[in-house]
Amino acid sequence: MPPMTHLTQHPSRVALHNEIHARPPDALASRVAVFHVVMLTNEAERESSRAHLNALLDELHAPRPAPDATHLRVDLPRFRLRWELHTEFVTWSFSRVLDEHFAVLEPVASARDVVPADWLSGLPGQAICQIELLAIPLAVMRERIPERALFDEATLVGAKVLGEQAEVLTDFQIHADGISRFLVGMAPSMPPRQRGRLVQSLLEVETYRMAGLLGLPVARQAAPVLAQAERELAALAEAIRTTEREGEAALLDRLTRLAASVESLYANTHSRFSATAAYFELVDKRLAFLAETKLGALPTLGAFVERRLSPARSTCAWTAHRQDMLSQRISRMSNLLRTRVEVEQQRSAQALLSAMNARQDMQLKLQTTVEGLSVAAITYYFVGLIAYAAEGLAIFGWPLSAKTTAAVAIPFVALAVWWSIRRLHHRLLARDTAPDAH
């Protein structure tokens, strides 16, 4: 069947499709040493990391990655490099294959020794994680590795993992050289890709654990600010209950300022707490992948991490929840105070309308009085005209005197004037209340 080349392709289709293949685990040999570094970076330092990577590749005559690449795996002389660009940090993993006669006592067989020291010390950013991991056959681990030479026995943890195909030891300590250590023993039947997934999961447990803990200092700094805001909100609630109408505007101003302060804190910390929650969730998933079982009397990695990480994790989660609840309480308090102010405003408006209605009634009464005077004045004017007319008509035989004619005409003229004014009022009122023709 010929390809459907006539279909318009989404510009991100290939990138989105290949995302499922991004950052796959390496196929590891049975004896390998890994040095893993996590550098916390800002935007400029992430770009500098790309330039730093290219400098190493140029020095070792290796091809550069694409300008928009976010990860790279490349075999270099004496070691293999794995570089990954994340949102907040950059990971550098250096691995080397060991021969059967490697020395593992002190110091641990390391991949650091084969990486250019000057270049390594210039990695952009700040290191939050440095790990040396030694992956060897399980039999060699049991026969030749004295645990006390590598780890602090007081905090030593270990487990059988992946259906007891491997054993893992660590102490979650930063040793005198600034390095944390993992020792992994793997069964001969374990496939190379499975070894790679195990090593990658162990490194990611530490990477995401440290990245998640970046929220702890933020939570500790936010705690006193939130406590002060809660006290201020409690004082405002009491003031709202007791303050008279005249002080409501000042209370609303205080409450608005408090809301702005809390929302500013929320804006500065929300992304950090959200990232912390996401990192801790990744830690849980990586530990679940290990499928740990007990190794002697040692606590498992998952149990140790859960016990030691829970307080920090809960502190970050509770601080984020505390911010949300405080924001909601301020919002409810603001609505309450605004409702109270609106009710008072409605009362004032109602009183104002009542006063306006009273004034309108008074104006109506005055208008009625004026209308009565107007009828009298207009009647007087027309009756005077009639009297003049009667005097003139006397020549032609008008039987009544001018005064008599005026007296007889008064009620008829007054009624006609009154009826004309009323009719005019009705016509004006009908015009004002008629619906809009448009």
Protein backbone atom coordinates (compact mmCIF):
# COMPACT_ATOMS: atom_id res chain seq x y z
CA MET A 1 0.00 0.00 0.00
CA PRO A 2 1.51 3.38 -0.96
CA PRO A 3 2.18 5.85 1.91
CA MET A 4 -0.47 8.49 2.60
CA THR A 5 1.80 11.43 1.85
CA HIS A 6 -1.11 13.75 1.15
CA LEU A 7 -2.10 14.05 4.85
CA THR A 8 -1.09 17.26 6.60
CA GLN A 9 1.11 16.35 9.56
CA HIS A 10 0.97 18.07 12.94
CA PRO A 11 4.27 19.90 13.45
CA SER A 12 4.84 18.16 16.82
CA ARG A 13 3.71 14.69 15.78
CA VAL A 14 7.18 13.13 15.52
CA ALA A 15 8.41 14.73 18.75
CA LEU A 16 5.30 13.66 20.65
CA HIS A 17 5.43 10.14 19.22
CA ASN A 18 9.11 9.72 20.12
CA GLU A 19 8.51 10.93 23.68
CA ILE A 20 7.63 7.35 24.60
CA HIS A 21 11.20 6.40 23.68
CA ALA A 22 12.84 9.32 25.49
CA ARG A 23 15.44 8.60 28.19
CA PRO A 24 15.43 4.79 27.90
CA PRO A 25 17.61 2.83 30.34
CA ASP A 26 21.08 1.83 29.24
CA ALA A 27 22.03 -1.81 28.76
CA LEU A 28 24.61 -2.29 31.54
CA ALA A 29 27.45 -4.75 31.85
CA SER A 30 27.67 -7.02 34.88
CA ARG A 31 30.41 -4.87 36.41
CA VAL A 32 29.95 -1.11 36.14
CA ALA A 33 30.69 2.01 38.18
CA VAL A 34 28.43 5.05 37.83
CA PHE A 35 29.02 8.60 39.00
CA HIS A 36 25.76 10.57 38.96
CA VAL A 37 25.57 14.34 39.51
CA VAL A 38 22.45 16.51 39.70
CA MET A 39 23.01 20.24 39.22
CA LEU A 40 20.24 22.66 40.18
CA THR A 41 20.18 25.35 37.49
CA ASN A 42 18.39 28.47 36.38
CA GLU A 43 17.56 29.14 32.73
CA ALA A 44 20.94 30.67 31.93
CA GLU A 45 22.81 27.83 33.63
CA ARG A 46 20.83 25.23 31.68
CA GLU A 47 22.01 26.86 28.46
CA SER A 48 25.53 26.98 29.88
CA SER A 49 25.22 23.24 30.56
CA ARG A 50 24.63 22.65 26.87
CA ALA A 51 27.74 24.68 26.03
CA HIS A 52 29.71 22.85 28.72
CA LEU A 53 28.63 19.51 27.23
CA ASN A 54 29.68 20.61 23.74
CA ALA A 55 33.08 21.66 25.07
CA LEU A 56 33.69 18.12 26.38
CA LEU A 57 32.48 16.52 23.18
CA ASP A 58 34.69 18.79 21.10
CA GLU A 59 37.69 17.96 23.28
CA LEU A 60 37.08 14.22 22.87
CA HIS A 61 36.22 14.54 19.15
CA ALA A 62 32.63 13.36 19.58
CA PRO A 63 29.64 14.74 17.63
CA ARG A 64 27.51 17.41 19.25
CA PRO A 65 23.80 16.84 19.95
CA ALA A 66 21.08 18.80 18.16
CA PRO A 67 20.72 22.41 19.42
CA ASP A 68 17.29 21.64 20.90
CA ALA A 69 18.21 18.23 22.37
CA THR A 70 17.25 17.62 25.99
CA HIS A 71 19.11 14.35 26.52
CA LEU A 72 22.15 12.57 25.15
CA ARG A 73 23.81 9.17 25.52
CA VAL A 74 27.27 8.85 24.05
CA ASP A 75 30.25 6.51 24.43
CA LEU A 76 33.46 8.44 24.98
CA PRO A 77 37.02 7.23 25.55
CA ARG A 78 37.16 5.42 28.93
CA PHE A 79 33.54 6.23 29.98
CA ARG A 80 29.95 6.58 28.85
CA LEU A 81 28.09 9.88 29.35
CA ARG A 82 24.37 10.31 29.89
CA TRP A 83 23.16 13.94 29.96
CA GLU A 84 19.58 15.02 30.63
CA LEU A 85 18.14 18.52 30.71
CA HIS A 86 15.16 18.86 33.07
CA THR A 87 12.96 21.81 34.00
CA GLU A 88 14.88 22.74 37.16
CA PHE A 89 18.05 20.70 37.04
CA VAL A 90 20.55 18.94 34.79
CA THR A 91 21.71 15.38 35.40
CA TRP A 92 25.12 14.07 34.41
CA SER A 93 25.80 10.32 34.63
CA PHE A 94 29.27 8.93 33.93
CA SER A 95 29.71 5.17 33.81
CA ARG A 96 32.66 2.86 33.19
CA VAL A 97 32.88 -0.89 32.80
CA LEU A 98 35.12 -2.60 35.38
CA ASP A 99 37.29 -5.62 34.78
CA GLU A 100 37.20 -8.72 36.95
CA HIS A 101 40.09 -7.55 39.14
CA PHE A 102 38.75 -4.13 40.14
CA ALA A 103 39.73 -2.80 43.56
CA VAL A 104 36.70 -1.98 45.64
CA LEU A 105 37.85 -1.49 49.20
CA GLU A 106 38.94 2.10 49.77
CA PRO A 107 38.14 4.10 47.77
CA VAL A 108 35.22 2.59 45.88
CA ALA A 109 35.83 1.83 42.22
CA SER A 110 34.66 5.08 40.69
CA ALA A 111 33.84 6.66 37.37
CA ARG A 112 35.05 10.03 38.64
CA ASP A 113 38.66 9.15 37.98
CA VAL A 114 38.16 8.85 34.23
CA VAL A 115 36.31 12.18 33.76
CA PRO A 116 38.46 15.29 33.13
CA ALA A 117 38.74 16.88 36.57
CA ASP A 118 38.90 20.52 35.45
CA TRP A 119 35.88 20.07 33.20
CA LEU A 120 33.92 18.24 35.92
CA SER A 121 34.56 20.96 38.51
CA GLY A 122 33.11 23.55 36.11
CA LEU A 123 29.63 22.03 35.77
CA PRO A 124 27.13 24.94 35.73
CA GLY A 125 24.69 25.22 38.63
CA GLN A 126 24.70 23.95 42.20
CA ALA A 127 25.05 20.29 43.07
CA ILE A 128 22.12 18.83 45.03
CA CYS A 129 23.01 15.21 44.46
CA GLN A 130 26.31 13.33 43.95
CA ILE A 131 26.15 9.55 43.88
CA GLU A 132 28.65 6.80 43.27
CA LEU A 133 26.95 3.53 42.39
CA LEU A 134 28.76 0.24 42.00
CA ALA A 135 26.88 -2.55 40.20
CA ILE A 136 28.61 -5.96 40.34
CA PRO A 137 27.68 -9.64 40.28
CA LEU A 138 25.78 -10.73 43.36
CA ALA A 139 28.31 -13.43 44.25
CA VAL A 140 31.18 -10.92 44.14
CA MET A 141 29.23 -8.52 46.32
CA ARG A 142 28.67 -11.18 48.98
CA GLU A 143 32.24 -12.49 48.95
CA ARG A 144 34.47 -9.46 48.44
CA ILE A 145 32.65 -6.32 49.64
CA PRO A 146 32.95 -5.48 53.37
CA GLU A 147 29.94 -3.30 54.09
CA ARG A 148 31.60 -1.41 56.91
CA ALA A 149 34.27 -0.15 54.51
CA LEU A 150 31.67 1.62 52.39
CA PHE A 151 28.72 2.56 54.59
CA ASP A 152 27.73 3.87 57.99
CA GLU A 153 26.33 0.80 59.73
CA ALA A 154 24.06 2.96 61.90
CA THR A 155 21.96 3.98 58.90
CA LEU A 156 22.63 1.05 56.58
CA VAL A 157 19.56 -0.04 54.62
CA GLY A 158 19.16 -2.74 52.03
CA ALA A 159 16.71 -4.94 50.18
CA LYS A 160 16.28 -7.67 47.65
CA VAL A 161 14.67 -6.19 44.57
CA LEU A 162 13.00 -7.19 41.31
CA GLY A 163 11.94 -10.62 42.43
CA GLU A 164 15.20 -11.13 44.37
CA GLN A 165 17.25 -10.85 41.19
CA ALA A 166 19.39 -8.19 42.85
CA GLU A 167 20.37 -6.77 46.22
CA VAL A 168 20.85 -3.08 47.04
CA LEU A 169 22.77 -1.50 49.92
CA THR A 170 23.09 2.18 50.84
CA ASP A 171 23.18 4.37 53.93
CA PHE A 172 21.71 7.61 52.52
CA GLN A 173 24.72 9.48 53.90
CA ILE A 174 26.94 12.17 52.41
CA HIS A 175 30.45 10.89 53.15
CA ALA A 176 33.61 12.87 53.76
CA ASP A 177 34.25 13.20 50.02
CA GLY A 178 30.77 14.71 49.49
CA ILE A 179 29.47 11.57 47.80
CA SER A 180 26.55 9.26 48.55
CA ARG A 181 27.02 5.56 47.79
CA PHE A 182 24.96 2.69 46.43
CA LEU A 183 26.10 -0.91 46.09
CA VAL A 184 24.10 -3.19 43.80
CA GLY A 185 24.61 -6.93 43.42
CA MET A 186 22.92 -8.51 40.38
CA ALA A 187 22.24 -12.12 39.50
CA PRO A 188 23.97 -13.45 36.36
CA SER A 189 20.59 -14.17 34.76
CA MET A 190 19.53 -10.54 34.96
CA PRO A 191 19.24 -9.04 31.43
CA PRO A 192 21.40 -5.96 30.63
CA ARG A 193 18.31 -3.76 30.07
CA GLN A 194 16.89 -4.86 33.39
CA ARG A 195 20.18 -3.91 35.06
CA GLY A 196 19.93 -0.51 33.41
CA ARG A 197 16.35 0.02 34.62
CA LEU A 198 17.34 -0.95 38.17
CA VAL A 199 20.31 1.43 38.26
CA GLN A 200 18.32 4.25 36.67
CA SER A 201 15.49 3.79 39.20
CA LEU A 202 17.91 3.91 42.14
CA LEU A 203 19.53 7.08 40.82
CA GLU A 204 16.12 8.67 40.21
CA VAL A 205 14.99 7.84 43.77
CA GLU A 206 17.80 10.04 45.09
CA THR A 207 17.43 12.65 42.35
CA TYR A 208 13.71 13.18 42.89
CA ARG A 209 14.01 12.84 46.67
CA MET A 210 16.46 15.74 46.79
CA ALA A 211 14.48 17.77 44.24
CA GLY A 212 11.33 17.24 46.29
CA LEU A 213 13.03 18.37 49.47
CA LEU A 214 13.72 21.77 47.89
CA GLY A 215 10.22 22.67 49.06
CA LEU A 216 11.11 22.17 52.74
CA PRO A 217 13.09 25.43 53.23
CA VAL A 218 10.30 27.29 51.44
CA ALA A 219 7.71 25.73 53.77
CA ARG A 220 9.77 26.68 56.83
CA GLN A 221 10.12 30.27 55.63
CA ALA A 222 6.40 30.50 54.88
CA ALA A 223 5.31 29.15 58.28
CA PRO A 224 5.85 32.36 60.35
CA VAL A 225 4.29 34.49 57.60
CA LEU A 226 1.20 32.28 57.57
CA ALA A 227 1.02 32.30 61.37
CA GLN A 228 1.08 36.12 61.41
CA ALA A 229 -1.57 36.23 58.68
CA GLU A 230 -3.79 33.85 60.65
CA ARG A 231 -3.48 36.01 63.77
CA GLU A 232 -4.32 39.12 61.76
CA LEU A 233 -7.32 37.38 60.21
CA ALA A 234 -8.58 36.33 63.66
CA ALA A 235 -8.24 39.92 64.88
CA LEU A 236 -10.12 41.17 61.82
CA ALA A 237 -12.91 38.66 62.40
CA GLU A 238 -13.37 39.93 65.95
CA ALA A 239 -13.21 43.54 64.76
CA ILE A 240 -15.87 42.90 62.13
CA ARG A 241 -18.13 41.49 64.83
CA THR A 242 -17.75 44.49 67.14
CA THR A 243 -17.03 47.48 64.88
CA GLU A 244 -19.75 49.99 64.13
CA ARG A 245 -20.69 51.16 60.68
CA GLU A 246 -18.20 54.01 60.63
CA GLY A 247 -15.19 51.65 60.93
CA GLU A 248 -16.12 49.24 58.16
CA ALA A 249 -14.15 51.03 55.46
CA ALA A 250 -10.94 50.78 57.51
CA LEU A 251 -11.58 47.08 58.17
CA LEU A 252 -12.10 46.44 54.47
CA ASP A 253 -8.81 48.17 53.72
CA ARG A 254 -6.98 46.01 56.30
CA LEU A 255 -8.56 42.87 54.93
CA THR A 256 -7.63 43.80 51.35
CA ARG A 257 -4.02 44.35 52.37
CA LEU A 258 -3.95 40.99 54.16
CA ALA A 259 -5.42 39.26 51.11
CA ALA A 260 -2.75 40.83 48.89
CA SER A 261 -0.01 39.64 51.25
CA VAL A 262 -1.31 36.06 51.34
CA GLU A 263 -1.84 35.93 47.58
CA SER A 264 1.70 37.22 47.04
CA LEU A 265 3.07 34.44 49.25
CA TYR A 266 0.90 31.91 47.41
CA ALA A 267 2.17 33.09 44.03
CA ASN A 268 5.79 32.79 45.20
CA THR A 269 5.45 29.30 46.70
CA HIS A 270 2.69 27.49 44.83
CA SER A 271 4.87 26.29 41.95
CA ARG A 272 7.52 25.07 44.41
CA PHE A 273 5.01 23.05 46.45
CA SER A 274 3.39 21.66 43.30
CA ALA A 275 6.80 20.54 42.03
CA THR A 276 7.60 19.02 45.43
CA ALA A 277 4.41 16.96 45.37
CA ALA A 278 5.21 15.78 41.83
CA TYR A 279 8.78 14.80 42.75
CA PHE A 280 7.65 12.85 45.82
CA GLU A 281 5.13 11.02 43.67
CA LEU A 282 7.95 10.02 41.32
CA VAL A 283 9.94 8.74 44.31
CA ASP A 284 6.98 6.55 45.27
CA LYS A 285 6.74 5.15 41.73
CA ARG A 286 10.45 4.36 41.52
CA LEU A 287 10.39 2.61 44.89
CA ALA A 288 7.30 0.65 43.85
CA PHE A 289 9.15 -0.51 40.71
CA LEU A 290 11.88 -2.06 42.88
CA ALA A 291 9.39 -4.52 44.43
CA GLU A 292 11.54 -4.79 47.57
CA THR A 293 11.71 -7.68 50.01
CA LYS A 294 13.64 -7.85 53.26
CA LEU A 295 17.39 -8.41 53.23
CA GLY A 296 18.21 -9.88 56.61
CA ALA A 297 17.39 -7.50 59.44
CA LEU A 298 18.02 -4.35 57.41
CA PRO A 299 15.20 -1.89 56.76
CA THR A 300 14.23 -1.63 53.11
CA LEU A 301 14.87 1.50 51.08
CA GLY A 302 11.15 2.18 50.81
CA ALA A 303 10.56 1.82 54.54
CA PHE A 304 13.54 4.04 55.38
CA VAL A 305 12.58 6.73 52.88
CA GLU A 306 8.94 6.63 53.97
CA ARG A 307 9.85 6.97 57.65
CA ARG A 308 12.48 9.69 57.19
CA LEU A 309 10.83 11.56 54.33
CA SER A 310 7.28 11.67 55.72
CA PRO A 311 7.83 14.63 58.12
CA ALA A 312 9.31 16.83 55.38
CA ARG A 313 6.71 15.67 52.89
CA SER A 314 3.88 16.36 55.33
CA THR A 315 5.33 19.77 56.19
CA CYS A 316 5.32 20.82 52.53
CA ALA A 317 1.85 19.39 51.91
CA TRP A 318 0.41 20.96 55.07
CA THR A 319 1.94 24.37 54.26
CA ALA A 320 0.42 24.30 50.78
CA HIS A 321 -2.93 23.25 52.26
CA ARG A 322 -2.62 25.93 54.95
CA GLN A 323 -2.10 28.59 52.28
CA ASP A 324 -5.15 27.41 50.36
CA MET A 325 -7.33 27.38 53.48
CA LEU A 326 -6.12 30.82 54.59
CA SER A 327 -6.86 32.23 51.15
CA GLN A 328 -10.36 30.74 51.26
CA ARG A 329 -10.98 32.10 54.77
CA ILE A 330 -9.90 35.58 53.70
CA SER A 331 -12.19 35.32 50.69
CA ARG A 332 -15.13 34.35 52.91
CA MET A 333 -14.30 37.15 55.35
CA SER A 334 -14.10 39.63 52.48
CA ASN A 335 -17.47 38.50 51.17
CA LEU A 336 -18.96 38.81 54.66
CA LEU A 337 -17.63 42.32 55.17
CA ARG A 338 -18.66 43.42 51.67
CA THR A 339 -22.13 42.02 52.27
CA ARG A 340 -22.35 43.97 55.51
CA VAL A 341 -21.21 47.16 53.76
CA GLU A 342 -23.68 46.57 50.94
CA VAL A 343 -26.53 46.08 53.41
CA GLU A 344 -25.64 49.35 55.10
CA GLN A 345 -25.45 51.03 51.72
CA GLN A 346 -28.85 49.65 50.80
CA ARG A 347 -30.26 50.97 54.05
CA SER A 348 -28.78 54.38 53.31
CA ALA A 349 -30.17 54.25 49.79
CA GLN A 350 -33.60 53.26 51.13
CA ALA A 351 -33.55 56.16 53.58
CA LEU A 352 -32.50 58.48 50.77
CA LEU A 353 -35.33 57.21 48.56
CA SER A 354 -37.81 57.71 51.40
CA ALA A 355 -36.61 61.28 51.81
CA MET A 356 -36.88 61.81 48.07
CA ASN A 357 -40.41 60.41 48.08
CA ALA A 358 -41.35 62.77 50.91
CA ARG A 359 -39.94 65.70 48.97
CA GLN A 360 -41.80 64.59 45.87
CA ASP A 361 -45.06 64.42 47.86
CA MET A 362 -44.43 67.92 49.13
CA GLN A 363 -43.66 69.13 45.62
CA LEU A 364 -46.84 67.49 44.38
CA LYS A 365 -48.88 69.25 47.05
CA LEU A 366 -47.21 72.55 46.21
CA GLN A 367 -47.85 71.91 42.54
CA THR A 368 -51.51 71.22 43.25
CA THR A 369 -51.73 74.46 45.18
CA VAL A 370 -50.04 76.32 42.36
CA GLU A 371 -52.40 74.72 39.87
CA GLY A 372 -55.37 75.95 41.91
CA LEU A 373 -53.95 79.47 41.91
CA SER A 374 -53.31 79.15 38.20
CA VAL A 375 -56.95 78.21 37.57
CA ALA A 376 -58.08 81.22 39.59
CA ALA A 377 -55.71 83.57 37.78
CA ILE A 378 -56.59 82.30 34.31
CA THR A 379 -60.33 82.41 35.20
CA TYR A 380 -59.97 86.00 36.42
CA TYR A 381 -58.24 86.95 33.18
CA PHE A 382 -60.86 85.35 30.92
CA VAL A 383 -63.78 86.71 32.98
CA GLY A 384 -62.29 90.20 32.62
CA LEU A 385 -62.20 89.72 28.87
CA ILE A 386 -65.83 88.57 28.93
CA ALA A 387 -66.82 91.68 30.93
CA TYR A 388 -65.17 93.91 28.34
CA ALA A 389 -66.96 91.99 25.62
CA ALA A 390 -70.33 92.43 27.39
CA GLU A 391 -69.81 96.22 27.59
CA GLY A 392 -69.17 96.34 23.88
CA LEU A 393 -72.14 94.14 23.06
CA ALA A 394 -74.50 96.42 25.08
CA ILE A 395 -74.59 98.73 22.05
CA PHE A 396 -76.04 95.91 20.00
CA GLY A 397 -78.69 95.14 22.61
CA TRP A 398 -76.95 92.66 24.96
CA PRO A 399 -79.49 92.33 27.77
CA LEU A 400 -77.14 91.82 30.72
CA SER A 401 -74.77 94.24 32.29
CA ALA A 402 -71.05 93.63 32.15
CA LYS A 403 -70.86 92.64 35.86
CA THR A 404 -73.79 90.29 35.56
CA THR A 405 -72.32 88.68 32.47
CA ALA A 406 -68.96 88.28 34.27
CA ALA A 407 -70.64 86.76 37.33
CA VAL A 408 -72.57 84.24 35.21
CA ALA A 409 -69.42 83.30 33.22
CA ILE A 410 -67.16 82.68 36.27
CA PRO A 411 -68.19 79.02 37.00
CA PHE A 412 -68.18 78.05 33.32
CA VAL A 413 -64.76 79.60 32.68
CA ALA A 414 -63.26 78.13 35.85
CA LEU A 415 -64.53 74.63 34.95
CA ALA A 416 -63.20 74.94 31.39
CA VAL A 417 -59.77 76.09 32.60
CA TRP A 418 -59.57 73.31 35.19
CA TRP A 419 -60.59 70.67 32.62
CA SER A 420 -58.01 71.95 30.10
CA ILE A 421 -55.17 71.79 32.65
CA ARG A 422 -56.14 68.24 33.71
CA ARG A 423 -56.30 67.11 30.10
CA LEU A 424 -52.86 68.60 29.45
CA HIS A 425 -51.44 66.72 32.48
CA HIS A 426 -52.90 63.41 31.29
CA ARG A 427 -51.46 63.84 27.81
CA LEU A 428 -47.99 64.62 29.17
CA LEU A 429 -48.12 61.63 31.56
CA ALA A 430 -49.25 59.31 28.77
CA ARG A 431 -46.36 60.47 26.57
CA ASP A 432 -43.75 59.91 29.35
CA THR A 433 -44.99 56.40 30.23
CA ALA A 434 -45.50 55.18 26.66
CA PRO A 435 -43.12 52.29 25.62
CA ASP A 436 -40.17 53.13 23.43
CA ALA A 437 -41.14 52.89 19.79
CA HIS A 438 -37.72 51.56 18.93
